[in-house]
Amino acid sequence: TDKILRLSQDLPIVLEVIESTERIEQLLPRLDEMVDGGLITLEKVRVILYRPAKG
Protein backbone atom coordinates (compact mmCIF):
# COMPACT_ATOMS: atom_id res chain seq x y z
CA THR A 1 0.00 0.00 0.00
CA ASP A 2 2.93 2.35 0.59
CA LYS A 3 3.97 1.88 -3.04
CA ILE A 4 0.45 2.72 -4.25
CA LEU A 5 0.43 5.90 -2.16
CA ARG A 6 3.84 6.90 -3.49
CA LEU A 7 2.68 6.33 -7.08
CA SER A 8 -0.37 8.51 -6.54
CA GLN A 9 1.86 11.34 -5.31
CA ASP A 10 4.36 11.13 -8.17
CA LEU A 11 1.99 11.32 -11.12
CA PRO A 12 3.18 13.41 -14.06
CA ILE A 13 1.39 16.64 -14.86
CA VAL A 14 1.23 18.77 -17.98
CA LEU A 15 0.77 22.50 -17.58
CA GLU A 16 0.11 24.46 -20.74
CA VAL A 17 0.29 28.25 -20.67
CA ILE A 18 -0.42 30.49 -23.63
CA GLU A 19 0.93 33.92 -22.85
CA SER A 20 3.34 36.56 -24.09
CA THR A 21 7.07 35.89 -23.94
CA GLU A 22 7.49 38.55 -21.28
CA ARG A 23 4.88 36.98 -18.99
CA ILE A 24 6.34 33.51 -19.44
CA GLU A 25 9.79 34.83 -18.52
CA GLN A 26 8.28 36.28 -15.33
CA LEU A 27 6.71 32.91 -14.50
CA LEU A 28 9.83 30.78 -14.89
CA PRO A 29 11.58 31.81 -11.63
CA ARG A 30 8.37 31.11 -9.73
CA LEU A 31 8.11 27.64 -11.27
CA ASP A 32 11.73 27.02 -10.32
CA GLU A 33 10.83 27.70 -6.67
CA MET A 34 7.84 25.35 -6.78
CA VAL A 35 9.20 22.33 -8.67
CA ASP A 36 12.12 20.08 -7.67
CA GLY A 37 12.60 18.63 -11.13
CA GLY A 38 10.96 18.23 -14.45
CA LEU A 39 10.98 19.31 -18.04
CA ILE A 40 9.94 22.68 -19.40
CA THR A 41 9.55 23.27 -23.12
CA LEU A 42 8.97 26.70 -24.59
CA GLU A 43 7.25 26.73 -27.94
CA LYS A 44 6.09 29.43 -30.29
CA VAL A 45 2.57 28.58 -31.34
CA ARG A 46 0.01 29.74 -33.83
CA VAL A 47 -3.41 29.72 -32.23
CA ILE A 48 -6.44 29.26 -34.46
CA LEU A 49 -9.84 29.57 -32.82
CA TYR A 50 -12.69 27.59 -34.32
CA ARG A 51 -16.27 28.37 -33.40
CA PRO A 52 -19.47 26.62 -34.45
CA ALA A 53 -21.35 28.22 -37.33
CA LYS A 54 -24.32 30.34 -36.29
CA GLY A 55 -27.73 29.25 -37.43
PDB file of N, CA and C in Angstrom:
ATOM      1  N   THR A   1       0.825  -1.213   0.000  1.00  0.00           N
ATOM      2  CA  THR A   1       0.000   0.000   0.000  1.00  0.00           C
ATOM      3  C   THR A   1       0.856   1.259   0.000  1.00  0.00           C
ATOM      4  N   ASP A   2       2.036   1.187   0.598  1.00  0.00           N
ATOM      5  CA  ASP A   2       2.930   2.348   0.588  1.00  0.00           C
ATOM      6  C   ASP A   2       3.344   2.693  -0.837  1.00  0.00           C
ATOM      7  N   LYS A   3       3.578   1.656  -1.647  1.00  0.00           N
ATOM      8  CA  LYS A   3       3.972   1.881  -3.040  1.00  0.00           C
ATOM      9  C   LYS A   3       2.835   2.536  -3.825  1.00  0.00           C
ATOM     10  N   ILE A   4       1.601   2.125  -3.573  1.00  0.00           N
ATOM     11  CA  ILE A   4       0.453   2.723  -4.254  1.00  0.00           C
ATOM     12  C   ILE A   4       0.320   4.190  -3.881  1.00  0.00           C
ATOM     13  N   LEU A   5       0.504   4.509  -2.606  1.00  0.00           N
ATOM     14  CA  LEU A   5       0.426   5.904  -2.161  1.00  0.00           C
ATOM     15  C   LEU A   5       1.518   6.737  -2.818  1.00  0.00           C
ATOM     16  N   ARG A   6       2.725   6.184  -2.878  1.00  0.00           N
ATOM     17  CA  ARG A   6       3.837   6.905  -3.489  1.00  0.00           C
ATOM     18  C   ARG A   6       3.570   7.149  -4.974  1.00  0.00           C
ATOM     19  N   LEU A   7       3.020   6.161  -5.666  1.00  0.00           N
ATOM     20  CA  LEU A   7       2.685   6.329  -7.081  1.00  0.00           C
ATOM     21  C   LEU A   7       1.653   7.430  -7.276  1.00  0.00           C
ATOM     22  N   SER A   8       0.675   7.498  -6.388  1.00  0.00           N
ATOM     23  CA  SER A   8      -0.366   8.510  -6.540  1.00  0.00           C
ATOM     24  C   SER A   8       0.176   9.910  -6.294  1.00  0.00           C
ATOM     25  N   GLN A   9       1.273  10.033  -5.580  1.00  0.00           N
ATOM     26  CA  GLN A   9       1.859  11.345  -5.311  1.00  0.00           C
ATOM     27  C   GLN A   9       2.849  11.768  -6.388  1.00  0.00           C
ATOM     28  N   ASP A  10       3.328  10.833  -7.180  1.00  0.00           N
ATOM     29  CA  ASP A  10       4.361  11.126  -8.170  1.00  0.00           C
ATOM     30  C   ASP A  10       3.836  11.105  -9.597  1.00  0.00           C
ATOM     31  N   LEU A  11       2.555  11.350  -9.781  1.00  0.00           N
ATOM     32  CA  LEU A  11       1.988  11.324 -11.122  1.00  0.00           C
ATOM     33  C   LEU A  11       2.489  12.511 -11.937  1.00  0.00           C
ATOM     34  N   PRO A  12       2.747  12.299 -13.218  1.00  0.00           N
ATOM     35  CA  PRO A  12       3.178  13.413 -14.064  1.00  0.00           C
ATOM     36  C   PRO A  12       2.032  14.390 -14.296  1.00  0.00           C
ATOM     37  N   ILE A  13       2.387  15.640 -14.506  1.00  0.00           N
ATOM     38  CA  ILE A  13       1.391  16.644 -14.858  1.00  0.00           C
ATOM     39  C   ILE A  13       1.874  17.390 -16.093  1.00  0.00           C
ATOM     40  N   VAL A  14       0.931  17.915 -16.834  1.00  0.00           N
ATOM     41  CA  VAL A  14       1.233  18.768 -17.977  1.00  0.00           C
ATOM     42  C   VAL A  14       0.539  20.092 -17.727  1.00  0.00           C
ATOM     43  N   LEU A  15       1.296  21.154 -17.763  1.00  0.00           N
ATOM     44  CA  LEU A  15       0.768  22.497 -17.579  1.00  0.00           C
ATOM     45  C   LEU A  15       1.024  23.253 -18.872  1.00  0.00           C
ATOM     46  N   GLU A  16      -0.033  23.702 -19.505  1.00  0.00           N
ATOM     47  CA  GLU A  16       0.106  24.464 -20.745  1.00  0.00           C
ATOM     48  C   GLU A  16      -0.305  25.898 -20.479  1.00  0.00           C
ATOM     49  N   VAL A  17       0.553  26.827 -20.863  1.00  0.00           N
ATOM     50  CA  VAL A  17       0.286  28.247 -20.669  1.00  0.00           C
ATOM     51  C   VAL A  17       0.466  28.937 -22.008  1.00  0.00           C
ATOM     52  N   ILE A  18      -0.527  29.678 -22.416  1.00  0.00           N
ATOM     53  CA  ILE A  18      -0.419  30.488 -23.629  1.00  0.00           C
ATOM     54  C   ILE A  18      -0.397  31.933 -23.174  1.00  0.00           C
ATOM     55  N   GLU A  19       0.737  32.573 -23.365  1.00  0.00           N
ATOM     56  CA  GLU A  19       0.929  33.924 -22.845  1.00  0.00           C
ATOM     57  C   GLU A  19       2.066  34.572 -23.622  1.00  0.00           C
ATOM     58  N   SER A  20       2.254  35.845 -23.421  1.00  0.00           N
ATOM     59  CA  SER A  20       3.342  36.561 -24.092  1.00  0.00           C
ATOM     60  C   SER A  20       4.692  36.086 -23.548  1.00  0.00           C
ATOM     61  N   THR A  21       5.726  36.276 -24.347  1.00  0.00           N
ATOM     62  CA  THR A  21       7.073  35.890 -23.940  1.00  0.00           C
ATOM     63  C   THR A  21       7.457  36.549 -22.626  1.00  0.00           C
ATOM     64  N   GLU A  22       7.132  37.813 -22.492  1.00  0.00           N
ATOM     65  CA  GLU A  22       7.492  38.549 -21.279  1.00  0.00           C
ATOM     66  C   GLU A  22       6.851  37.925 -20.043  1.00  0.00           C
ATOM     67  N   ARG A  23       5.585  37.575 -20.138  1.00  0.00           N
ATOM     68  CA  ARG A  23       4.879  36.983 -18.994  1.00  0.00           C
ATOM     69  C   ARG A  23       5.424  35.595 -18.657  1.00  0.00           C
ATOM     70  N   ILE A  24       5.761  34.827 -19.680  1.00  0.00           N
ATOM     71  CA  ILE A  24       6.343  33.506 -19.437  1.00  0.00           C
ATOM     72  C   ILE A  24       7.683  33.655 -18.724  1.00  0.00           C
ATOM     73  N   GLU A  25       8.496  34.600 -19.162  1.00  0.00           N
ATOM     74  CA  GLU A  25       9.792  34.832 -18.521  1.00  0.00           C
ATOM     75  C   GLU A  25       9.618  35.213 -17.053  1.00  0.00           C
ATOM     76  N   GLN A  26       8.556  35.937 -16.725  1.00  0.00           N
ATOM     77  CA  GLN A  26       8.276  36.283 -15.332  1.00  0.00           C
ATOM     78  C   GLN A  26       7.856  35.055 -14.530  1.00  0.00           C
ATOM     79  N   LEU A  27       7.209  34.108 -15.174  1.00  0.00           N
ATOM     80  CA  LEU A  27       6.707  32.914 -14.503  1.00  0.00           C
ATOM     81  C   LEU A  27       7.804  31.899 -14.197  1.00  0.00           C
ATOM     82  N   LEU A  28       8.820  31.817 -15.027  1.00  0.00           N
ATOM     83  CA  LEU A  28       9.833  30.777 -14.889  1.00  0.00           C
ATOM     84  C   LEU A  28      10.528  30.752 -13.525  1.00  0.00           C
ATOM     85  N   PRO A  29      10.959  31.874 -12.960  1.00  0.00           N
ATOM     86  CA  PRO A  29      11.576  31.809 -11.627  1.00  0.00           C
ATOM     87  C   PRO A  29      10.622  31.274 -10.562  1.00  0.00           C
ATOM     88  N   ARG A  30       9.373  31.602 -10.691  1.00  0.00           N
ATOM     89  CA  ARG A  30       8.373  31.114  -9.732  1.00  0.00           C
ATOM     90  C   ARG A  30       8.216  29.596  -9.839  1.00  0.00           C
ATOM     91  N   LEU A  31       8.179  29.086 -11.070  1.00  0.00           N
ATOM     92  CA  LEU A  31       8.110  27.636 -11.265  1.00  0.00           C
ATOM     93  C   LEU A  31       9.340  26.951 -10.690  1.00  0.00           C
ATOM     94  N   ASP A  32      10.490  27.575 -10.847  1.00  0.00           N
ATOM     95  CA  ASP A  32      11.733  27.024 -10.318  1.00  0.00           C
ATOM     96  C   ASP A  32      11.662  26.860  -8.802  1.00  0.00           C
ATOM     97  N   GLU A  33      11.006  27.787  -8.117  1.00  0.00           N
ATOM     98  CA  GLU A  33      10.835  27.701  -6.667  1.00  0.00           C
ATOM     99  C   GLU A  33       9.882  26.571  -6.279  1.00  0.00           C
ATOM    100  N   MET A  34       8.904  26.289  -7.119  1.00  0.00           N
ATOM    101  CA  MET A  34       7.839  25.354  -6.778  1.00  0.00           C
ATOM    102  C   MET A  34       8.154  23.903  -7.134  1.00  0.00           C
ATOM    103  N   VAL A  35       9.007  23.672  -8.115  1.00  0.00           N
ATOM    104  CA  VAL A  35       9.197  22.330  -8.666  1.00  0.00           C
ATOM    105  C   VAL A  35      10.636  21.875  -8.420  1.00  0.00           C
ATOM    106  N   ASP A  36      10.783  20.634  -7.924  1.00  0.00           N
ATOM    107  CA  ASP A  36      12.118  20.084  -7.671  1.00  0.00           C
ATOM    108  C   ASP A  36      12.799  19.600  -8.946  1.00  0.00           C
ATOM    109  N   GLY A  37      12.032  19.135  -9.892  1.00  0.00           N
ATOM    110  CA  GLY A  37      12.605  18.631 -11.127  1.00  0.00           C
ATOM    111  C   GLY A  37      11.524  18.475 -12.166  1.00  0.00           C
ATOM    112  N   GLY A  38      11.939  18.391 -13.389  1.00  0.00           N
ATOM    113  CA  GLY A  38      10.959  18.225 -14.450  1.00  0.00           C
ATOM    114  C   GLY A  38      11.509  18.722 -15.765  1.00  0.00           C
ATOM    115  N   LEU A  39      10.621  18.890 -16.689  1.00  0.00           N
ATOM    116  CA  LEU A  39      10.981  19.307 -18.035  1.00  0.00           C
ATOM    117  C   LEU A  39      10.087  20.469 -18.425  1.00  0.00           C
ATOM    118  N   ILE A  40      10.700  21.527 -18.907  1.00  0.00           N
ATOM    119  CA  ILE A  40       9.945  22.678 -19.403  1.00  0.00           C
ATOM    120  C   ILE A  40      10.313  22.859 -20.867  1.00  0.00           C
ATOM    121  N   THR A  41       9.307  22.947 -21.717  1.00  0.00           N
ATOM    122  CA  THR A  41       9.549  23.268 -23.117  1.00  0.00           C
ATOM    123  C   THR A  41       8.868  24.595 -23.417  1.00  0.00           C
ATOM    124  N   LEU A  42       9.537  25.424 -24.161  1.00  0.00           N
ATOM    125  CA  LEU A  42       8.974  26.705 -24.587  1.00  0.00           C
ATOM    126  C   LEU A  42       8.785  26.634 -26.093  1.00  0.00           C
ATOM    127  N   GLU A  43       7.582  26.860 -26.527  1.00  0.00           N
ATOM    128  CA  GLU A  43       7.247  26.725 -27.940  1.00  0.00           C
ATOM    129  C   GLU A  43       6.557  27.986 -28.437  1.00  0.00           C
ATOM    130  N   LYS A  44       6.893  28.401 -29.629  1.00  0.00           N
ATOM    131  CA  LYS A  44       6.095  29.429 -30.293  1.00  0.00           C
ATOM    132  C   LYS A  44       4.938  28.712 -30.964  1.00  0.00           C
ATOM    133  N   VAL A  45       3.745  29.244 -30.783  1.00  0.00           N
ATOM    134  CA  VAL A  45       2.571  28.580 -31.344  1.00  0.00           C
ATOM    135  C   VAL A  45       1.765  29.553 -32.184  1.00  0.00           C
ATOM    136  N   ARG A  46       0.990  28.986 -33.055  1.00  0.00           N
ATOM    137  CA  ARG A  46       0.010  29.745 -33.828  1.00  0.00           C
ATOM    138  C   ARG A  46      -1.351  29.246 -33.374  1.00  0.00           C
ATOM    139  N   VAL A  47      -2.120  30.112 -32.780  1.00  0.00           N
ATOM    140  CA  VAL A  47      -3.413  29.725 -32.229  1.00  0.00           C
ATOM    141  C   VAL A  47      -4.496  30.062 -33.235  1.00  0.00           C
ATOM    142  N   ILE A  48      -5.307  29.069 -33.562  1.00  0.00           N
ATOM    143  CA  ILE A  48      -6.440  29.257 -34.460  1.00  0.00           C
ATOM    144  C   ILE A  48      -7.683  28.878 -33.681  1.00  0.00           C
ATOM    145  N   LEU A  49      -8.618  29.800 -33.589  1.00  0.00           N
ATOM    146  CA  LEU A  49      -9.838  29.573 -32.824  1.00  0.00           C
ATOM    147  C   LEU A  49     -10.964  29.195 -33.768  1.00  0.00           C
ATOM    148  N   TYR A  50     -11.546  28.040 -33.533  1.00  0.00           N
ATOM    149  CA  TYR A  50     -12.688  27.593 -34.323  1.00  0.00           C
ATOM    150  C   TYR A  50     -13.942  27.720 -33.484  1.00  0.00           C
ATOM    151  N   ARG A  51     -14.984  28.242 -34.078  1.00  0.00           N
ATOM    152  CA  ARG A  51     -16.272  28.365 -33.400  1.00  0.00           C
ATOM    153  C   ARG A  51     -17.343  27.736 -34.272  1.00  0.00           C
ATOM    154  N   PRO A  52     -18.389  27.194 -33.648  1.00  0.00           N
ATOM    155  CA  PRO A  52     -19.471  26.619 -34.449  1.00  0.00           C
ATOM    156  C   PRO A  52     -20.166  27.691 -35.289  1.00  0.00           C
ATOM    157  N   ALA A  53     -20.626  27.285 -36.460  1.00  0.00           N
ATOM    158  CA  ALA A  53     -21.346  28.219 -37.331  1.00  0.00           C
ATOM    159  C   ALA A  53     -22.664  28.614 -36.683  1.00  0.00           C
ATOM    160  N   LYS A  54     -23.033  29.870 -36.837  1.00  0.00           N
ATOM    161  CA  LYS A  54     -24.316  30.337 -36.295  1.00  0.00           C
ATOM    162  C   LYS A  54     -25.437  29.916 -37.226  1.00  0.00           C
ATOM    163  N   GLY A  55     -26.566  29.546 -36.605  1.00  0.00           N
ATOM    164  CA  GLY A  55     -27.726  29.250 -37.433  1.00  0.00           C
ATOM    165  C   GLY A  55     -28.157  27.893 -37.327  1.00  0.00           C
TER     166      GLY A  55
END
